Amino acid sequence: MVEEARLEAVSSGLAPVSDGWFVVNVGEAAWLRNEAFGGRCVFESSRRVLGGRPDLEPRMFDGVGFTLAVLEPGKPSGLYHGESTQEDFLVLAGECLLLVEGEERPLRAWDFAHCPAGTEHVFVGGGTGPCVIFMTGARSKDKTIVYPRSEVARAHGAGVEAETHAPVEAYAAFPQWETGRPDHWDRLPWS
């Protein structure tokens, strides 16, 4: 029988601190924020989520990751990249622009985007309010990532100047993720 995981309050909400199944409301879950890339609820207890709690061990999902991203208009979800594993995305609220394989595709609530391994992509918030995207991706011990130079992505502040396979190098000029709720929390569907 699988035990229920224990959820504990960390600096930005509830996070799992033991193995097992659990249920958590998005409005009560732990969040990360980044001035350049918006807000993220990852549902796991990564080192960043645990913040100043060295007494707790990270708890990560095996085989697949889930993120609920909140993007502000004009801000990217990260940097244009391609991974060696599949990723899928469902826009839950608002509008965004999907930059994919050098093209721009406008998306709105309930649009689904599938990116097989190797698909170069990133999202940029659109419209006049926040965009909420449910993101999921496969995990693999031998996963690779590339941040290719893309003029389309660079035009939206979502591209690297020179291609790299190192996330630390790609994100060196950007602020670090910190614990906290995204901007305009009161305008989000679960508030």
C-alpha atoms as a PDB file:
ATOM      1  CA  MET A   1       0.000   0.000   0.000  1.00  0.00           C
ATOM      2  CA  VAL A   2       1.333   3.457  -0.944  1.00  0.00           C
ATOM      3  CA  GLU A   3       1.378   5.906   1.952  1.00  0.00           C
ATOM      4  CA  GLU A   4       0.195   9.499   1.712  1.00  0.00           C
ATOM      5  CA  ALA A   5       3.047  12.003   1.449  1.00  0.00           C
ATOM      6  CA  ARG A   6       3.348  14.638   4.148  1.00  0.00           C
ATOM      7  CA  LEU A   7       2.908  18.210   2.920  1.00  0.00           C
ATOM      8  CA  GLU A   8       4.651  20.921   4.867  1.00  0.00           C
ATOM      9  CA  ALA A   9       4.552  24.705   4.683  1.00  0.00           C
ATOM     10  CA  VAL A  10       7.696  26.143   3.120  1.00  0.00           C
ATOM     11  CA  SER A  11       8.320  29.818   2.347  1.00  0.00           C
ATOM     12  CA  SER A  12       5.855  30.001  -0.580  1.00  0.00           C
ATOM     13  CA  GLY A  13       3.225  27.339   0.165  1.00  0.00           C
ATOM     14  CA  LEU A  14       2.844  23.601   0.685  1.00  0.00           C
ATOM     15  CA  ALA A  15       5.370  21.072  -0.657  1.00  0.00           C
ATOM     16  CA  PRO A  16       5.724  17.291  -0.308  1.00  0.00           C
ATOM     17  CA  VAL A  17       8.400  16.380   2.241  1.00  0.00           C
ATOM     18  CA  SER A  18       7.993  12.601   2.180  1.00  0.00           C
ATOM     19  CA  ASP A  19       7.353  10.024  -0.543  1.00  0.00           C
ATOM     20  CA  GLY A  20       3.836   8.929  -1.477  1.00  0.00           C
ATOM     21  CA  TRP A  21       0.663  10.209  -3.058  1.00  0.00           C
ATOM     22  CA  PHE A  22      -0.759  13.646  -2.250  1.00  0.00           C
ATOM     23  CA  VAL A  23      -3.330  16.235  -3.221  1.00  0.00           C
ATOM     24  CA  VAL A  24      -2.584  19.960  -3.124  1.00  0.00           C
ATOM     25  CA  ASN A  25      -4.541  22.940  -4.419  1.00  0.00           C
ATOM     26  CA  VAL A  26      -2.607  25.202  -6.793  1.00  0.00           C
ATOM     27  CA  GLY A  27      -3.475  28.211  -4.655  1.00  0.00           C
ATOM     28  CA  GLU A  28      -1.899  26.560  -1.607  1.00  0.00           C
ATOM     29  CA  ALA A  29       1.091  24.887  -3.309  1.00  0.00           C
ATOM     30  CA  ALA A  30       4.664  26.187  -3.183  1.00  0.00           C
ATOM     31  CA  TRP A  31       5.649  28.591  -5.968  1.00  0.00           C
ATOM     32  CA  LEU A  32       8.807  29.987  -7.545  1.00  0.00           C
ATOM     33  CA  ARG A  33       9.129  33.323  -9.293  1.00  0.00           C
ATOM     34  CA  ASN A  34      11.585  34.970 -11.623  1.00  0.00           C
ATOM     35  CA  GLU A  35      11.488  38.597 -12.729  1.00  0.00           C
ATOM     36  CA  ALA A  36      12.361  37.599 -16.309  1.00  0.00           C
ATOM     37  CA  PHE A  37      10.304  34.391 -16.660  1.00  0.00           C
ATOM     38  CA  GLY A  38       7.199  34.675 -14.459  1.00  0.00           C
ATOM     39  CA  GLY A  39       5.901  32.209 -11.891  1.00  0.00           C
ATOM     40  CA  ARG A  40       6.063  28.415 -11.544  1.00  0.00           C
ATOM     41  CA  CYS A  41       4.300  25.837  -9.442  1.00  0.00           C
ATOM     42  CA  VAL A  42       6.317  22.614  -9.819  1.00  0.00           C
ATOM     43  CA  PHE A  43       4.360  20.458  -7.321  1.00  0.00           C
ATOM     44  CA  GLU A  44       7.645  18.887  -6.165  1.00  0.00           C
ATOM     45  CA  SER A  45       9.993  19.933  -3.413  1.00  0.00           C
ATOM     46  CA  SER A  46      13.141  20.867  -5.296  1.00  0.00           C
ATOM     47  CA  ARG A  47      16.023  22.552  -3.474  1.00  0.00           C
ATOM     48  CA  ARG A  48      14.731  25.912  -4.718  1.00  0.00           C
ATOM     49  CA  VAL A  49      11.194  25.247  -3.467  1.00  0.00           C
ATOM     50  CA  LEU A  50      12.541  24.214  -0.073  1.00  0.00           C
ATOM     51  CA  GLY A  51      14.438  27.502   0.085  1.00  0.00           C
ATOM     52  CA  GLY A  52      15.818  28.058   3.570  1.00  0.00           C
ATOM     53  CA  ARG A  53      14.825  24.625   4.869  1.00  0.00           C
ATOM     54  CA  PRO A  54      18.055  22.568   4.960  1.00  0.00           C
ATOM     55  CA  ASP A  55      16.271  20.171   7.324  1.00  0.00           C
ATOM     56  CA  LEU A  56      14.137  18.873   4.410  1.00  0.00           C
ATOM     57  CA  GLU A  57      15.182  16.601   1.548  1.00  0.00           C
ATOM     58  CA  PRO A  58      13.977  17.307  -2.022  1.00  0.00           C
ATOM     59  CA  ARG A  59      11.246  15.026  -3.355  1.00  0.00           C
ATOM     60  CA  MET A  60      11.172  14.775  -7.157  1.00  0.00           C
ATOM     61  CA  PHE A  61       8.852  12.761  -9.405  1.00  0.00           C
ATOM     62  CA  ASP A  62      10.362   9.825 -11.301  1.00  0.00           C
ATOM     63  CA  GLY A  63      10.107   9.776 -15.088  1.00  0.00           C
ATOM     64  CA  VAL A  64       8.004  12.896 -15.628  1.00  0.00           C
ATOM     65  CA  GLY A  65       7.878  16.508 -14.487  1.00  0.00           C
ATOM     66  CA  PHE A  66       4.931  18.892 -14.207  1.00  0.00           C
ATOM     67  CA  THR A  67       4.930  22.669 -14.059  1.00  0.00           C
ATOM     68  CA  LEU A  68       2.161  25.229 -13.952  1.00  0.00           C
ATOM     69  CA  ALA A  69       3.618  28.370 -15.515  1.00  0.00           C
ATOM     70  CA  VAL A  70       2.235  31.899 -15.270  1.00  0.00           C
ATOM     71  CA  LEU A  71       3.527  34.305 -17.939  1.00  0.00           C
ATOM     72  CA  GLU A  72       2.995  38.035 -18.086  1.00  0.00           C
ATOM     73  CA  PRO A  73       2.454  39.684 -21.503  1.00  0.00           C
ATOM     74  CA  GLY A  74       5.733  39.965 -23.415  1.00  0.00           C
ATOM     75  CA  LYS A  75       7.720  37.776 -21.006  1.00  0.00           C
ATOM     76  CA  PRO A  76       9.099  34.385 -22.071  1.00  0.00           C
ATOM     77  CA  SER A  77       8.745  31.131 -20.145  1.00  0.00           C
ATOM     78  CA  GLY A  78      12.495  30.559 -20.433  1.00  0.00           C
ATOM     79  CA  LEU A  79      14.999  30.400 -23.262  1.00  0.00           C
ATOM     80  CA  TYR A  80      14.401  28.852 -26.679  1.00  0.00           C
ATOM     81  CA  HIS A  81      15.626  25.266 -26.484  1.00  0.00           C
ATOM     82  CA  GLY A  82      15.271  21.681 -27.653  1.00  0.00           C
ATOM     83  CA  GLU A  83      15.427  18.676 -25.318  1.00  0.00           C
ATOM     84  CA  SER A  84      16.111  15.019 -26.023  1.00  0.00           C
ATOM     85  CA  THR A  85      12.806  14.106 -24.344  1.00  0.00           C
ATOM     86  CA  GLN A  86       9.170  14.777 -25.183  1.00  0.00           C
ATOM     87  CA  GLU A  87       7.327  17.791 -23.738  1.00  0.00           C
ATOM     88  CA  ASP A  88       3.638  18.716 -23.860  1.00  0.00           C
ATOM     89  CA  PHE A  89       1.753  21.897 -23.007  1.00  0.00           C
ATOM     90  CA  LEU A  90      -1.864  22.937 -22.403  1.00  0.00           C
ATOM     91  CA  VAL A  91      -2.816  26.621 -22.230  1.00  0.00           C
ATOM     92  CA  LEU A  92      -5.385  26.911 -19.418  1.00  0.00           C
ATOM     93  CA  ALA A  93      -6.016  30.663 -19.404  1.00  0.00           C
ATOM     94  CA  GLY A  94      -4.966  33.745 -21.333  1.00  0.00           C
ATOM     95  CA  GLU A  95      -2.927  33.998 -24.498  1.00  0.00           C
ATOM     96  CA  CYS A  96       0.669  33.355 -25.504  1.00  0.00           C
ATOM     97  CA  LEU A  97       2.912  32.994 -28.482  1.00  0.00           C
ATOM     98  CA  LEU A  98       4.597  29.643 -29.097  1.00  0.00           C
ATOM     99  CA  LEU A  99       7.954  30.010 -30.812  1.00  0.00           C
ATOM    100  CA  VAL A 100       8.555  26.609 -32.378  1.00  0.00           C
ATOM    101  CA  GLU A 101      11.123  25.510 -34.943  1.00  0.00           C
ATOM    102  CA  GLY A 102      11.695  29.122 -36.022  1.00  0.00           C
ATOM    103  CA  GLU A 103       7.975  29.902 -36.399  1.00  0.00           C
ATOM    104  CA  GLU A 104       5.501  31.913 -34.291  1.00  0.00           C
ATOM    105  CA  ARG A 105       2.142  30.363 -33.359  1.00  0.00           C
ATOM    106  CA  PRO A 106      -0.455  32.295 -31.329  1.00  0.00           C
ATOM    107  CA  LEU A 107      -2.170  30.145 -28.681  1.00  0.00           C
ATOM    108  CA  ARG A 108      -5.175  30.742 -26.435  1.00  0.00           C
ATOM    109  CA  ALA A 109      -6.933  28.880 -23.620  1.00  0.00           C
ATOM    110  CA  TRP A 110      -7.368  25.147 -24.293  1.00  0.00           C
ATOM    111  CA  ASP A 111      -4.782  24.989 -27.100  1.00  0.00           C
ATOM    112  CA  PHE A 112      -2.484  21.973 -26.720  1.00  0.00           C
ATOM    113  CA  ALA A 113       1.098  21.863 -28.054  1.00  0.00           C
ATOM    114  CA  HIS A 114       3.070  18.626 -28.447  1.00  0.00           C
ATOM    115  CA  CYS A 115       6.861  18.809 -28.813  1.00  0.00           C
ATOM    116  CA  PRO A 116       8.548  15.510 -29.696  1.00  0.00           C
ATOM    117  CA  ALA A 117      12.170  15.098 -28.598  1.00  0.00           C
ATOM    118  CA  GLY A 118      14.413  17.660 -30.283  1.00  0.00           C
ATOM    119  CA  THR A 119      11.688  20.243 -31.020  1.00  0.00           C
ATOM    120  CA  GLU A 120      13.039  23.757 -30.472  1.00  0.00           C
ATOM    121  CA  HIS A 121      10.517  25.919 -28.609  1.00  0.00           C
ATOM    122  CA  VAL A 122       9.626  28.511 -25.956  1.00  0.00           C
ATOM    123  CA  PHE A 123       6.488  30.448 -24.954  1.00  0.00           C
ATOM    124  CA  VAL A 124       6.012  34.219 -24.658  1.00  0.00           C
ATOM    125  CA  GLY A 125       3.081  35.706 -22.752  1.00  0.00           C
ATOM    126  CA  GLY A 126       0.548  37.559 -24.899  1.00  0.00           C
ATOM    127  CA  GLY A 127      -2.702  39.454 -24.607  1.00  0.00           C
ATOM    128  CA  THR A 128      -3.367  41.896 -21.778  1.00  0.00           C
ATOM    129  CA  GLY A 129      -3.195  39.617 -18.758  1.00  0.00           C
ATOM    130  CA  PRO A 130      -1.460  36.568 -17.368  1.00  0.00           C
ATOM    131  CA  CYS A 131      -1.267  33.331 -19.338  1.00  0.00           C
ATOM    132  CA  VAL A 132      -1.404  29.998 -17.475  1.00  0.00           C
ATOM    133  CA  ILE A 133       0.209  26.942 -19.104  1.00  0.00           C
ATOM    134  CA  PHE A 134       0.300  23.386 -17.766  1.00  0.00           C
ATOM    135  CA  MET A 135       3.639  21.881 -18.841  1.00  0.00           C
ATOM    136  CA  THR A 136       4.788  18.276 -18.656  1.00  0.00           C
ATOM    137  CA  GLY A 137       7.934  16.560 -19.844  1.00  0.00           C
ATOM    138  CA  ALA A 138       9.593  13.182 -19.731  1.00  0.00           C
ATOM    139  CA  ARG A 139      12.677  12.744 -17.566  1.00  0.00           C
ATOM    140  CA  SER A 140      15.681  10.667 -18.462  1.00  0.00           C
ATOM    141  CA  LYS A 141      19.082  10.244 -16.846  1.00  0.00           C
ATOM    142  CA  ASP A 142      20.765  10.764 -20.230  1.00  0.00           C
ATOM    143  CA  LYS A 143      18.639  13.794 -21.208  1.00  0.00           C
ATOM    144  CA  THR A 144      20.365  16.483 -23.232  1.00  0.00           C
ATOM    145  CA  ILE A 145      19.386  20.063 -24.040  1.00  0.00           C
ATOM    146  CA  VAL A 146      20.491  22.610 -26.609  1.00  0.00           C
ATOM    147  CA  TYR A 147      19.889  26.370 -26.664  1.00  0.00           C
ATOM    148  CA  PRO A 148      20.297  27.215 -30.372  1.00  0.00           C
ATOM    149  CA  ARG A 149      20.727  30.744 -31.640  1.00  0.00           C
ATOM    150  CA  SER A 150      17.369  31.832 -33.065  1.00  0.00           C
ATOM    151  CA  GLU A 151      16.619  35.307 -34.385  1.00  0.00           C
ATOM    152  CA  VAL A 152      12.878  34.734 -33.824  1.00  0.00           C
ATOM    153  CA  ALA A 153      13.516  33.912 -30.146  1.00  0.00           C
ATOM    154  CA  ARG A 154      16.022  36.753 -29.710  1.00  0.00           C
ATOM    155  CA  ALA A 155      13.417  39.231 -31.038  1.00  0.00           C
ATOM    156  CA  HIS A 156      11.216  38.226 -28.077  1.00  0.00           C
ATOM    157  CA  GLY A 157      13.995  38.261 -25.454  1.00  0.00           C
ATOM    158  CA  ALA A 158      13.933  34.456 -25.334  1.00  0.00           C
ATOM    159  CA  GLY A 159      17.096  33.493 -27.212  1.00  0.00           C
ATOM    160  CA  VAL A 160      20.795  33.035 -26.608  1.00  0.00           C
ATOM    161  CA  GLU A 161      23.472  34.943 -28.458  1.00  0.00           C
ATOM    162  CA  ALA A 162      25.585  31.830 -29.081  1.00  0.00           C
ATOM    163  CA  GLU A 163      24.448  28.197 -29.093  1.00  0.00           C
ATOM    164  CA  THR A 164      25.169  26.243 -25.933  1.00  0.00           C
ATOM    165  CA  HIS A 165      24.306  22.928 -24.298  1.00  0.00           C
ATOM    166  CA  ALA A 166      24.886  24.300 -20.792  1.00  0.00           C
ATOM    167  CA  PRO A 167      21.849  25.737 -18.947  1.00  0.00           C
ATOM    168  CA  VAL A 168      24.165  27.586 -16.531  1.00  0.00           C
ATOM    169  CA  GLU A 169      25.785  29.346 -19.479  1.00  0.00           C
ATOM    170  CA  ALA A 170      22.474  30.057 -21.264  1.00  0.00           C
ATOM    171  CA  TYR A 171      20.884  31.622 -18.159  1.00  0.00           C
ATOM    172  CA  ALA A 172      23.989  33.364 -16.770  1.00  0.00           C
ATOM    173  CA  ALA A 173      22.679  36.882 -17.526  1.00  0.00           C
ATOM    174  CA  PHE A 174      19.251  36.300 -15.941  1.00  0.00           C
ATOM    175  CA  PRO A 175      18.065  36.513 -12.332  1.00  0.00           C
ATOM    176  CA  GLN A 176      17.854  33.302 -10.271  1.00  0.00           C
ATOM    177  CA  TRP A 177      14.522  31.717  -9.386  1.00  0.00           C
ATOM    178  CA  GLU A 178      13.340  32.517  -5.861  1.00  0.00           C
ATOM    179  CA  THR A 179      10.435  31.355  -3.740  1.00  0.00           C
ATOM    180  CA  GLY A 180       7.282  33.407  -4.070  1.00  0.00           C
ATOM    181  CA  ARG A 181       3.989  33.814  -5.851  1.00  0.00           C
ATOM    182  CA  PRO A 182       3.749  35.243  -9.387  1.00  0.00           C
ATOM    183  CA  ASP A 183       2.797  38.864 -10.021  1.00  0.00           C
ATOM    184  CA  HIS A 184      -0.928  39.626 -10.205  1.00  0.00           C
ATOM    185  CA  TRP A 185      -1.789  36.632  -7.976  1.00  0.00           C
ATOM    186  CA  ASP A 186      -5.295  38.069  -7.458  1.00  0.00           C
ATOM    187  CA  ARG A 187      -5.987  37.905 -11.230  1.00  0.00           C
ATOM    188  CA  LEU A 188      -5.306  34.160 -11.473  1.00  0.00           C
ATOM    189  CA  PRO A 189      -8.127  31.574 -11.706  1.00  0.00           C
ATOM    190  CA  TRP A 190      -7.413  29.907  -8.330  1.00  0.00           C
ATOM    191  CA  SER A 191      -7.121  33.070  -6.219  1.00  0.00           C
END
